[in-house]
């Protein structure tokens, strides 16, 4: 979830800073919503739906998630092709799409590929509550203690908080997850 690519994409869905901002996520030294599981997942889904509408196929949509919509469109124009399988794209983008297809197949038929788990082996969700904050938090360590948790737990559940404080001059409403 806290991954960073060599190109600078971050978070579970690997957004570049510019794309994240275009998709409505906040990216600052204090808040980076690319690490916010719900917000980045929603942005990724919207991106893929937009790309599917633009290109007309899921394979081209997936390729654009890796290479950008403009990058895929440019290659389609240069090569005069509209089918993903007929396009010459970068090796990284080519591998990316086939990895997604392989993952989709494994997720559709997990037992076929040796992925069988009992209920006891699965992670159970940790119940949380959302605390809405619309003011500056000058000390997230103290804030965590006031919520009955430690800073480590706060950061584990809110990796999008990138500093030990949360300046909030615009009084934006942030939802902070606190385990119950």
N, C-alpha and C. Protein backbone atom coordinates (compact mmCIF):
# COMPACT_ATOMS: atom_id res chain seq x y z
N UNK A 1 0.83 -1.20 0.00
CA UNK A 1 0.00 0.00 0.00
C UNK A 1 0.87 1.26 0.00
N UNK A 2 2.03 1.20 0.61
CA UNK A 2 2.90 2.38 0.66
C UNK A 2 4.01 2.31 -0.38
N UNK A 3 3.73 1.68 -1.50
CA UNK A 3 4.74 1.47 -2.53
C UNK A 3 5.06 2.76 -3.28
N UNK A 4 6.30 2.84 -3.75
CA UNK A 4 6.74 3.94 -4.61
C UNK A 4 7.48 3.34 -5.80
N UNK A 5 7.08 3.74 -7.00
CA UNK A 5 7.75 3.23 -8.20
C UNK A 5 9.00 4.06 -8.48
N UNK A 6 9.84 3.55 -9.35
CA UNK A 6 11.06 4.29 -9.72
C UNK A 6 10.71 5.59 -10.45
N UNK A 7 9.52 5.66 -11.04
CA UNK A 7 9.09 6.87 -11.75
C UNK A 7 8.45 7.89 -10.83
N UNK A 8 8.16 7.50 -9.57
CA UNK A 8 7.57 8.43 -8.62
C UNK A 8 6.09 8.21 -8.36
N UNK A 9 5.51 7.15 -8.95
CA UNK A 9 4.12 6.82 -8.66
C UNK A 9 4.06 6.25 -7.24
N UNK A 10 2.98 6.60 -6.51
CA UNK A 10 2.90 6.17 -5.11
C UNK A 10 1.53 5.64 -4.76
N UNK A 11 1.51 4.88 -3.67
CA UNK A 11 0.27 4.37 -3.13
C UNK A 11 -0.12 3.04 -3.75
N UNK A 12 -1.23 2.50 -3.26
CA UNK A 12 -1.72 1.20 -3.70
C UNK A 12 -1.98 1.17 -5.19
N UNK A 13 -2.50 2.29 -5.75
CA UNK A 13 -2.86 2.35 -7.16
C UNK A 13 -1.81 3.04 -8.01
N UNK A 14 -0.68 3.39 -7.41
CA UNK A 14 0.48 3.90 -8.15
C UNK A 14 0.16 5.11 -9.03
N UNK A 15 -0.35 6.16 -8.42
CA UNK A 15 -0.62 7.41 -9.13
C UNK A 15 0.61 8.30 -9.13
N UNK A 16 0.87 8.93 -10.26
CA UNK A 16 1.86 9.99 -10.34
C UNK A 16 1.23 11.23 -9.72
N UNK A 17 2.03 12.17 -9.19
CA UNK A 17 1.45 13.34 -8.52
C UNK A 17 0.47 14.12 -9.40
N UNK A 18 0.83 14.39 -10.64
CA UNK A 18 -0.04 15.18 -11.52
C UNK A 18 -1.36 14.48 -11.79
N UNK A 19 -1.29 13.17 -12.07
CA UNK A 19 -2.52 12.42 -12.34
C UNK A 19 -3.39 12.38 -11.09
N UNK A 20 -2.77 12.22 -9.93
CA UNK A 20 -3.54 12.20 -8.68
C UNK A 20 -4.29 13.51 -8.49
N UNK A 21 -3.61 14.62 -8.71
CA UNK A 21 -4.27 15.92 -8.57
C UNK A 21 -5.37 16.10 -9.60
N UNK A 22 -5.13 15.65 -10.83
CA UNK A 22 -6.17 15.71 -11.88
C UNK A 22 -7.38 14.90 -11.49
N UNK A 23 -7.18 13.85 -10.72
CA UNK A 23 -8.26 12.97 -10.31
C UNK A 23 -8.85 13.38 -8.96
N UNK A 24 -8.49 14.58 -8.47
CA UNK A 24 -9.11 15.13 -7.27
C UNK A 24 -8.47 14.77 -5.96
N UNK A 25 -7.29 14.17 -6.00
CA UNK A 25 -6.62 13.82 -4.75
C UNK A 25 -5.67 14.94 -4.32
N UNK A 26 -5.57 15.12 -3.04
CA UNK A 26 -4.65 16.11 -2.48
C UNK A 26 -3.27 15.47 -2.35
N UNK A 27 -2.26 16.19 -2.82
CA UNK A 27 -0.88 15.72 -2.72
C UNK A 27 -0.03 16.90 -2.25
N UNK A 28 0.31 16.89 -0.96
CA UNK A 28 1.15 17.93 -0.36
C UNK A 28 2.16 17.26 0.56
N UNK A 29 2.97 18.07 1.21
CA UNK A 29 3.93 17.48 2.16
C UNK A 29 3.24 16.95 3.42
N UNK A 30 1.99 17.36 3.66
CA UNK A 30 1.27 16.94 4.86
C UNK A 30 0.22 15.87 4.59
N UNK A 31 -0.37 15.90 3.40
CA UNK A 31 -1.43 14.97 3.02
C UNK A 31 -1.11 14.44 1.63
N UNK A 32 -1.14 13.12 1.49
CA UNK A 32 -0.97 12.51 0.17
C UNK A 32 -2.04 11.44 0.02
N UNK A 33 -3.12 11.82 -0.66
CA UNK A 33 -4.26 10.92 -0.77
C UNK A 33 -4.03 9.76 -1.72
N UNK A 34 -2.87 9.71 -2.36
CA UNK A 34 -2.52 8.51 -3.13
C UNK A 34 -2.39 7.31 -2.19
N UNK A 35 -2.11 7.58 -0.91
CA UNK A 35 -2.01 6.53 0.11
C UNK A 35 -3.35 6.28 0.81
N UNK A 36 -4.39 7.03 0.46
CA UNK A 36 -5.72 6.86 1.05
C UNK A 36 -6.44 5.77 0.25
N UNK A 37 -6.64 4.62 0.86
CA UNK A 37 -7.15 3.45 0.13
C UNK A 37 -8.49 3.75 -0.54
N UNK A 38 -9.43 4.34 0.18
CA UNK A 38 -10.75 4.59 -0.40
C UNK A 38 -10.69 5.63 -1.52
N UNK A 39 -10.04 6.75 -1.26
CA UNK A 39 -10.01 7.82 -2.27
C UNK A 39 -9.21 7.42 -3.51
N UNK A 40 -8.10 6.74 -3.32
CA UNK A 40 -7.30 6.35 -4.48
C UNK A 40 -7.97 5.22 -5.27
N UNK A 41 -8.69 4.34 -4.58
CA UNK A 41 -9.41 3.27 -5.27
C UNK A 41 -10.54 3.87 -6.11
N UNK A 42 -11.26 4.81 -5.54
CA UNK A 42 -12.32 5.48 -6.30
C UNK A 42 -11.74 6.20 -7.52
N UNK A 43 -10.61 6.88 -7.33
CA UNK A 43 -9.97 7.59 -8.45
C UNK A 43 -9.49 6.61 -9.52
N UNK A 44 -8.93 5.48 -9.11
CA UNK A 44 -8.46 4.47 -10.07
C UNK A 44 -9.63 3.90 -10.87
N UNK A 45 -10.73 3.62 -10.20
CA UNK A 45 -11.91 3.09 -10.89
C UNK A 45 -12.44 4.10 -11.90
N UNK A 46 -12.51 5.36 -11.50
CA UNK A 46 -13.00 6.40 -12.41
C UNK A 46 -12.05 6.56 -13.60
N UNK A 47 -10.75 6.50 -13.33
CA UNK A 47 -9.77 6.58 -14.42
C UNK A 47 -10.01 5.47 -15.44
N UNK A 48 -10.13 4.23 -14.95
CA UNK A 48 -10.30 3.09 -15.84
C UNK A 48 -11.62 3.18 -16.62
N UNK A 49 -12.67 3.64 -15.97
CA UNK A 49 -13.94 3.81 -16.67
C UNK A 49 -13.83 4.89 -17.75
N UNK A 50 -13.16 5.99 -17.42
CA UNK A 50 -12.94 7.06 -18.42
C UNK A 50 -12.10 6.54 -19.58
N UNK A 51 -11.07 5.79 -19.28
CA UNK A 51 -10.20 5.24 -20.33
C UNK A 51 -10.96 4.22 -21.19
N UNK A 52 -11.80 3.41 -20.57
CA UNK A 52 -12.61 2.45 -21.32
C UNK A 52 -13.55 3.18 -22.27
N UNK A 53 -14.18 4.27 -21.78
CA UNK A 53 -15.05 5.07 -22.65
C UNK A 53 -14.27 5.68 -23.80
N UNK A 54 -13.06 6.17 -23.51
CA UNK A 54 -12.24 6.82 -24.53
C UNK A 54 -11.76 5.84 -25.59
N UNK A 55 -11.23 4.70 -25.15
CA UNK A 55 -10.59 3.76 -26.06
C UNK A 55 -11.49 2.63 -26.54
N UNK A 56 -12.56 2.34 -25.80
CA UNK A 56 -13.50 1.30 -26.22
C UNK A 56 -13.10 -0.11 -25.85
N UNK A 57 -11.98 -0.29 -25.14
CA UNK A 57 -11.60 -1.64 -24.72
C UNK A 57 -10.89 -1.60 -23.37
N UNK A 58 -11.04 -2.69 -22.64
CA UNK A 58 -10.40 -2.76 -21.32
C UNK A 58 -8.88 -2.92 -21.45
N UNK A 59 -8.41 -3.58 -22.49
CA UNK A 59 -6.96 -3.74 -22.63
C UNK A 59 -6.30 -2.39 -22.90
N UNK A 60 -6.90 -1.57 -23.74
CA UNK A 60 -6.34 -0.23 -23.97
C UNK A 60 -6.49 0.63 -22.73
N UNK A 61 -7.58 0.47 -21.99
CA UNK A 61 -7.75 1.21 -20.73
C UNK A 61 -6.65 0.83 -19.74
N UNK A 62 -6.37 -0.47 -19.63
CA UNK A 62 -5.31 -0.93 -18.72
C UNK A 62 -3.95 -0.43 -19.19
N UNK A 63 -3.70 -0.47 -20.49
CA UNK A 63 -2.43 0.04 -21.01
C UNK A 63 -2.27 1.52 -20.69
N UNK A 64 -3.36 2.27 -20.78
CA UNK A 64 -3.28 3.70 -20.49
C UNK A 64 -3.06 3.97 -19.01
N UNK A 65 -3.49 3.03 -18.16
CA UNK A 65 -3.24 3.21 -16.71
C UNK A 65 -1.74 3.19 -16.45
N UNK A 66 -1.02 2.42 -17.24
CA UNK A 66 0.43 2.35 -17.09
C UNK A 66 1.14 3.42 -17.91
N UNK A 67 0.70 3.63 -19.13
CA UNK A 67 1.41 4.54 -20.04
C UNK A 67 0.76 5.90 -20.24
N UNK A 68 -0.36 6.13 -19.56
CA UNK A 68 -1.08 7.38 -19.71
C UNK A 68 -1.99 7.38 -20.92
N UNK A 69 -3.12 8.06 -20.78
CA UNK A 69 -4.06 8.13 -21.91
C UNK A 69 -3.42 8.82 -23.10
N UNK A 70 -2.71 9.90 -22.84
CA UNK A 70 -2.07 10.63 -23.95
C UNK A 70 -1.00 9.77 -24.62
N UNK A 71 -0.25 9.01 -23.82
CA UNK A 71 0.81 8.16 -24.37
C UNK A 71 0.26 7.06 -25.25
N UNK A 72 -0.82 6.42 -24.81
CA UNK A 72 -1.44 5.35 -25.60
C UNK A 72 -2.07 5.94 -26.86
N UNK A 73 -2.75 7.07 -26.71
CA UNK A 73 -3.37 7.70 -27.88
C UNK A 73 -2.31 8.09 -28.91
N UNK A 74 -1.19 8.60 -28.43
CA UNK A 74 -0.10 8.99 -29.33
C UNK A 74 0.39 7.78 -30.14
N UNK A 75 0.58 6.65 -29.47
CA UNK A 75 1.04 5.45 -30.17
C UNK A 75 -0.03 4.92 -31.14
N UNK A 76 -1.29 5.05 -30.76
CA UNK A 76 -2.37 4.63 -31.66
C UNK A 76 -2.36 5.49 -32.93
N UNK A 77 -2.14 6.79 -32.74
CA UNK A 77 -2.10 7.70 -33.90
C UNK A 77 -0.88 7.44 -34.78
N UNK A 78 0.28 7.28 -34.15
CA UNK A 78 1.52 7.05 -34.90
C UNK A 78 1.43 5.74 -35.70
N UNK A 79 0.91 4.70 -35.04
CA UNK A 79 0.89 3.37 -35.65
C UNK A 79 -0.39 3.09 -36.44
N UNK A 80 -1.33 4.03 -36.39
CA UNK A 80 -2.60 3.87 -37.09
C UNK A 80 -3.28 2.55 -36.70
N UNK A 81 -3.34 2.31 -35.38
CA UNK A 81 -3.95 1.09 -34.85
C UNK A 81 -4.94 1.45 -33.75
N UNK A 82 -5.99 0.66 -33.62
CA UNK A 82 -6.98 0.87 -32.56
C UNK A 82 -7.14 -0.34 -31.66
N UNK A 83 -6.35 -1.39 -31.89
CA UNK A 83 -6.44 -2.62 -31.13
C UNK A 83 -5.17 -2.77 -30.30
N UNK A 84 -5.34 -2.98 -29.00
CA UNK A 84 -4.19 -3.12 -28.11
C UNK A 84 -3.20 -4.17 -28.63
N UNK A 85 -3.71 -5.30 -29.08
CA UNK A 85 -2.86 -6.42 -29.47
C UNK A 85 -2.07 -6.15 -30.75
N UNK A 86 -2.42 -5.11 -31.48
CA UNK A 86 -1.69 -4.74 -32.69
C UNK A 86 -0.74 -3.56 -32.46
N UNK A 87 -0.74 -3.03 -31.25
CA UNK A 87 0.12 -1.87 -30.94
C UNK A 87 1.47 -2.31 -30.40
N UNK A 88 2.50 -1.61 -30.81
CA UNK A 88 3.82 -1.78 -30.20
C UNK A 88 3.93 -0.72 -29.12
N UNK A 89 3.92 -1.16 -27.87
CA UNK A 89 4.03 -0.26 -26.72
C UNK A 89 5.32 -0.59 -25.98
N UNK A 90 5.65 0.20 -24.98
CA UNK A 90 6.87 -0.08 -24.22
C UNK A 90 6.76 -1.46 -23.58
N UNK A 91 7.90 -2.06 -23.31
CA UNK A 91 7.91 -3.39 -22.69
C UNK A 91 7.18 -3.36 -21.35
N UNK A 92 7.37 -2.29 -20.58
CA UNK A 92 6.72 -2.19 -19.27
C UNK A 92 5.19 -2.19 -19.41
N UNK A 93 4.67 -1.42 -20.35
CA UNK A 93 3.22 -1.37 -20.55
C UNK A 93 2.71 -2.70 -21.08
N UNK A 94 3.43 -3.30 -21.98
CA UNK A 94 3.04 -4.60 -22.53
C UNK A 94 2.95 -5.64 -21.42
N UNK A 95 3.98 -5.72 -20.56
CA UNK A 95 3.97 -6.68 -19.45
C UNK A 95 2.85 -6.36 -18.46
N UNK A 96 2.61 -5.08 -18.23
CA UNK A 96 1.61 -4.63 -17.26
C UNK A 96 0.24 -5.20 -17.59
N UNK A 97 -0.16 -5.09 -18.85
CA UNK A 97 -1.49 -5.57 -19.25
C UNK A 97 -1.59 -7.08 -19.07
N UNK A 98 -0.56 -7.82 -19.45
CA UNK A 98 -0.63 -9.27 -19.30
C UNK A 98 -0.58 -9.70 -17.84
N UNK A 99 0.08 -8.93 -17.00
CA UNK A 99 0.06 -9.23 -15.56
C UNK A 99 -1.35 -9.05 -15.00
N UNK A 100 -2.03 -8.00 -15.45
CA UNK A 100 -3.41 -7.78 -15.01
C UNK A 100 -4.30 -8.93 -15.47
N UNK A 101 -4.14 -9.35 -16.71
CA UNK A 101 -4.95 -10.47 -17.23
C UNK A 101 -4.67 -11.75 -16.43
N UNK A 102 -3.41 -11.98 -16.09
CA UNK A 102 -3.07 -13.17 -15.30
C UNK A 102 -3.68 -13.07 -13.90
N UNK A 103 -3.60 -11.91 -13.29
CA UNK A 103 -4.18 -11.72 -11.96
C UNK A 103 -5.69 -11.91 -11.99
N UNK A 104 -6.34 -11.39 -13.02
CA UNK A 104 -7.79 -11.56 -13.18
C UNK A 104 -8.13 -13.05 -13.24
N UNK A 105 -7.37 -13.82 -14.00
CA UNK A 105 -7.61 -15.25 -14.13
C UNK A 105 -7.44 -15.95 -12.78
N UNK A 106 -6.41 -15.62 -12.04
CA UNK A 106 -6.18 -16.24 -10.73
C UNK A 106 -7.32 -15.87 -9.78
N UNK A 107 -7.75 -14.62 -9.81
CA UNK A 107 -8.83 -14.20 -8.90
C UNK A 107 -10.17 -14.84 -9.26
N UNK A 108 -10.40 -15.11 -10.54
CA UNK A 108 -11.63 -15.78 -10.98
C UNK A 108 -11.63 -17.25 -10.57
N UNK A 109 -10.46 -17.88 -10.58
CA UNK A 109 -10.34 -19.32 -10.33
C UNK A 109 -9.20 -19.60 -9.35
N UNK A 110 -9.28 -19.10 -8.13
CA UNK A 110 -8.13 -19.22 -7.22
C UNK A 110 -7.72 -20.67 -6.92
N UNK A 111 -8.68 -21.55 -6.74
CA UNK A 111 -8.32 -22.93 -6.38
C UNK A 111 -7.60 -23.65 -7.52
N UNK A 112 -7.89 -23.28 -8.77
CA UNK A 112 -7.21 -23.87 -9.92
C UNK A 112 -5.71 -23.62 -9.85
N UNK A 113 -5.33 -22.51 -9.24
CA UNK A 113 -3.92 -22.11 -9.18
C UNK A 113 -3.32 -22.30 -7.78
N UNK A 114 -4.00 -23.08 -6.95
CA UNK A 114 -3.46 -23.42 -5.64
C UNK A 114 -3.70 -22.38 -4.56
N UNK A 115 -4.61 -21.47 -4.78
CA UNK A 115 -4.91 -20.45 -3.78
C UNK A 115 -6.21 -20.81 -3.07
N UNK A 116 -6.09 -21.61 -2.03
CA UNK A 116 -7.25 -21.96 -1.22
C UNK A 116 -6.89 -21.66 0.22
N UNK A 117 -7.76 -20.93 0.88
CA UNK A 117 -7.52 -20.51 2.26
C UNK A 117 -8.75 -20.79 3.10
N UNK A 118 -8.49 -21.23 4.31
CA UNK A 118 -9.60 -21.40 5.26
C UNK A 118 -9.90 -20.04 5.88
N UNK A 119 -11.06 -19.92 6.49
CA UNK A 119 -11.46 -18.65 7.12
C UNK A 119 -10.44 -18.22 8.18
N UNK A 120 -9.83 -19.18 8.86
CA UNK A 120 -8.87 -18.86 9.91
C UNK A 120 -7.58 -18.24 9.36
N UNK A 121 -7.27 -18.55 8.10
CA UNK A 121 -6.04 -18.05 7.48
C UNK A 121 -6.19 -16.62 6.93
N UNK A 122 -7.41 -16.15 6.79
CA UNK A 122 -7.66 -14.84 6.19
C UNK A 122 -7.54 -13.73 7.24
N UNK A 123 -7.11 -12.57 6.80
CA UNK A 123 -7.08 -11.41 7.68
C UNK A 123 -8.51 -10.96 7.93
N UNK A 124 -8.79 -10.65 9.17
CA UNK A 124 -10.11 -10.13 9.50
C UNK A 124 -10.05 -8.60 9.50
N UNK A 125 -11.11 -7.96 9.02
CA UNK A 125 -11.11 -6.50 9.04
C UNK A 125 -11.06 -5.97 10.48
N UNK A 126 -10.36 -4.88 10.65
CA UNK A 126 -10.29 -4.23 11.95
C UNK A 126 -11.39 -3.17 11.99
N UNK A 127 -12.33 -3.30 12.92
CA UNK A 127 -13.40 -2.29 12.98
C UNK A 127 -12.82 -0.91 13.30
N UNK A 128 -13.26 0.07 12.54
CA UNK A 128 -12.79 1.44 12.75
C UNK A 128 -13.98 2.40 12.78
N UNK A 129 -13.71 3.56 13.32
CA UNK A 129 -14.68 4.66 13.24
C UNK A 129 -13.98 5.81 12.53
N UNK A 130 -14.77 6.68 11.92
CA UNK A 130 -14.21 7.84 11.23
C UNK A 130 -14.39 9.07 12.12
N UNK A 131 -13.29 9.73 12.39
CA UNK A 131 -13.32 10.98 13.15
C UNK A 131 -13.11 12.10 12.14
N UNK A 132 -14.08 12.99 12.02
CA UNK A 132 -14.00 14.10 11.08
C UNK A 132 -13.31 15.27 11.76
N UNK A 133 -12.26 15.76 11.10
CA UNK A 133 -11.48 16.88 11.63
C UNK A 133 -11.46 17.97 10.58
N UNK A 134 -11.85 19.19 10.98
CA UNK A 134 -11.83 20.31 10.04
C UNK A 134 -11.01 21.48 10.56
N UNK A 135 -10.11 21.17 11.48
CA UNK A 135 -9.20 22.18 12.02
C UNK A 135 -7.78 21.65 11.95
N UNK A 136 -6.83 22.49 12.23
CA UNK A 136 -5.42 22.09 12.25
C UNK A 136 -5.16 21.17 13.44
N UNK A 137 -4.38 20.14 13.20
CA UNK A 137 -3.87 19.28 14.29
C UNK A 137 -2.38 19.57 14.37
N UNK A 138 -1.94 20.18 15.44
CA UNK A 138 -0.54 20.57 15.55
C UNK A 138 0.37 19.42 15.96
N UNK A 139 -0.21 18.37 16.55
CA UNK A 139 0.60 17.26 17.03
C UNK A 139 -0.21 15.97 16.88
N UNK A 140 0.08 15.19 15.84
CA UNK A 140 -0.67 13.95 15.61
C UNK A 140 -0.37 12.89 16.67
N UNK A 141 0.78 12.96 17.31
CA UNK A 141 1.08 12.03 18.40
C UNK A 141 0.10 12.27 19.54
N UNK A 142 -0.06 13.53 19.91
CA UNK A 142 -1.00 13.88 20.99
C UNK A 142 -2.44 13.58 20.56
N UNK A 143 -2.78 13.87 19.30
CA UNK A 143 -4.12 13.56 18.78
C UNK A 143 -4.40 12.07 18.91
N UNK A 144 -3.42 11.23 18.54
CA UNK A 144 -3.60 9.78 18.63
C UNK A 144 -3.87 9.36 20.07
N UNK A 145 -3.08 9.89 20.99
CA UNK A 145 -3.25 9.55 22.41
C UNK A 145 -4.65 9.95 22.90
N UNK A 146 -5.13 11.10 22.43
CA UNK A 146 -6.47 11.56 22.81
C UNK A 146 -7.56 10.62 22.26
N UNK A 147 -7.24 9.91 21.19
CA UNK A 147 -8.18 8.96 20.61
C UNK A 147 -8.04 7.56 21.22
N UNK A 148 -7.09 7.41 22.16
CA UNK A 148 -6.91 6.12 22.83
C UNK A 148 -6.03 5.16 22.07
N UNK A 149 -5.23 5.67 21.13
CA UNK A 149 -4.31 4.83 20.35
C UNK A 149 -2.93 5.48 20.35
N UNK A 150 -1.96 4.80 19.77
CA UNK A 150 -0.64 5.41 19.65
C UNK A 150 -0.42 5.92 18.23
N UNK A 151 0.66 6.64 18.03
CA UNK A 151 0.97 7.25 16.72
C UNK A 151 1.15 6.19 15.64
N UNK A 152 1.80 5.08 16.01
CA UNK A 152 2.01 3.99 15.06
C UNK A 152 0.68 3.48 14.52
N UNK A 153 -0.29 3.27 15.38
CA UNK A 153 -1.60 2.79 14.97
C UNK A 153 -2.32 3.82 14.11
N UNK A 154 -2.21 5.08 14.49
CA UNK A 154 -2.81 6.16 13.69
C UNK A 154 -2.25 6.15 12.27
N UNK A 155 -0.94 6.07 12.16
CA UNK A 155 -0.29 6.08 10.83
C UNK A 155 -0.60 4.81 10.04
N UNK A 156 -0.72 3.69 10.72
CA UNK A 156 -1.06 2.43 10.04
C UNK A 156 -2.41 2.54 9.35
N UNK A 157 -3.38 3.14 10.02
CA UNK A 157 -4.73 3.26 9.48
C UNK A 157 -4.91 4.49 8.59
N UNK A 158 -3.97 5.42 8.63
CA UNK A 158 -4.07 6.66 7.86
C UNK A 158 -2.73 7.00 7.22
N UNK A 159 -2.24 6.14 6.32
CA UNK A 159 -0.92 6.39 5.73
C UNK A 159 -0.87 7.65 4.87
N UNK A 160 -2.00 8.21 4.55
CA UNK A 160 -2.08 9.45 3.77
C UNK A 160 -1.66 10.66 4.59
N UNK A 161 -1.61 10.53 5.91
CA UNK A 161 -1.07 11.60 6.76
C UNK A 161 0.45 11.52 6.68
N UNK A 162 1.10 12.48 6.07
CA UNK A 162 2.51 12.37 5.72
C UNK A 162 3.46 13.09 6.68
N UNK A 163 2.94 13.72 7.72
CA UNK A 163 3.77 14.48 8.64
C UNK A 163 3.27 14.22 10.05
N UNK A 164 3.87 14.85 11.03
CA UNK A 164 3.43 14.70 12.42
C UNK A 164 2.41 15.76 12.81
N UNK A 165 1.99 16.55 11.81
CA UNK A 165 0.95 17.55 12.04
C UNK A 165 0.08 17.62 10.79
N UNK A 166 -1.08 18.25 10.94
CA UNK A 166 -2.01 18.40 9.83
C UNK A 166 -2.51 19.84 9.77
N UNK A 167 -1.76 20.71 9.07
CA UNK A 167 -2.25 22.09 8.92
C UNK A 167 -3.55 22.08 8.10
N UNK A 168 -4.49 22.91 8.50
CA UNK A 168 -5.78 22.90 7.81
C UNK A 168 -6.38 24.31 7.83
N UNK A 169 -5.74 25.22 7.13
CA UNK A 169 -6.18 26.61 7.11
C UNK A 169 -7.52 26.78 6.38
N UNK A 170 -7.82 25.90 5.43
CA UNK A 170 -9.08 26.00 4.67
C UNK A 170 -10.24 25.27 5.32
N UNK A 171 -9.99 24.68 6.47
CA UNK A 171 -11.02 23.95 7.23
C UNK A 171 -11.65 22.83 6.41
N UNK A 172 -10.81 22.14 5.65
CA UNK A 172 -11.27 20.97 4.90
C UNK A 172 -11.64 19.87 5.88
N UNK A 173 -12.68 19.13 5.59
CA UNK A 173 -13.10 18.02 6.45
C UNK A 173 -12.31 16.77 6.08
N UNK A 174 -11.43 16.33 6.96
CA UNK A 174 -10.67 15.10 6.78
C UNK A 174 -11.30 14.01 7.64
N UNK A 175 -11.40 12.81 7.08
CA UNK A 175 -11.90 11.66 7.84
C UNK A 175 -10.70 10.83 8.25
N UNK A 176 -10.49 10.74 9.55
CA UNK A 176 -9.35 9.98 10.09
C UNK A 176 -9.90 8.69 10.70
N UNK A 177 -9.33 7.56 10.26
CA UNK A 177 -9.77 6.25 10.77
C UNK A 177 -9.12 5.95 12.11
N UNK A 178 -9.96 5.58 13.07
CA UNK A 178 -9.50 5.21 14.41
C UNK A 178 -10.04 3.81 14.71
N UNK A 179 -9.17 2.85 15.03
CA UNK A 179 -9.66 1.51 15.36
C UNK A 179 -10.52 1.56 16.62
N UNK A 180 -11.59 0.75 16.61
CA UNK A 180 -12.50 0.73 17.77
C UNK A 180 -12.03 -0.29 18.79
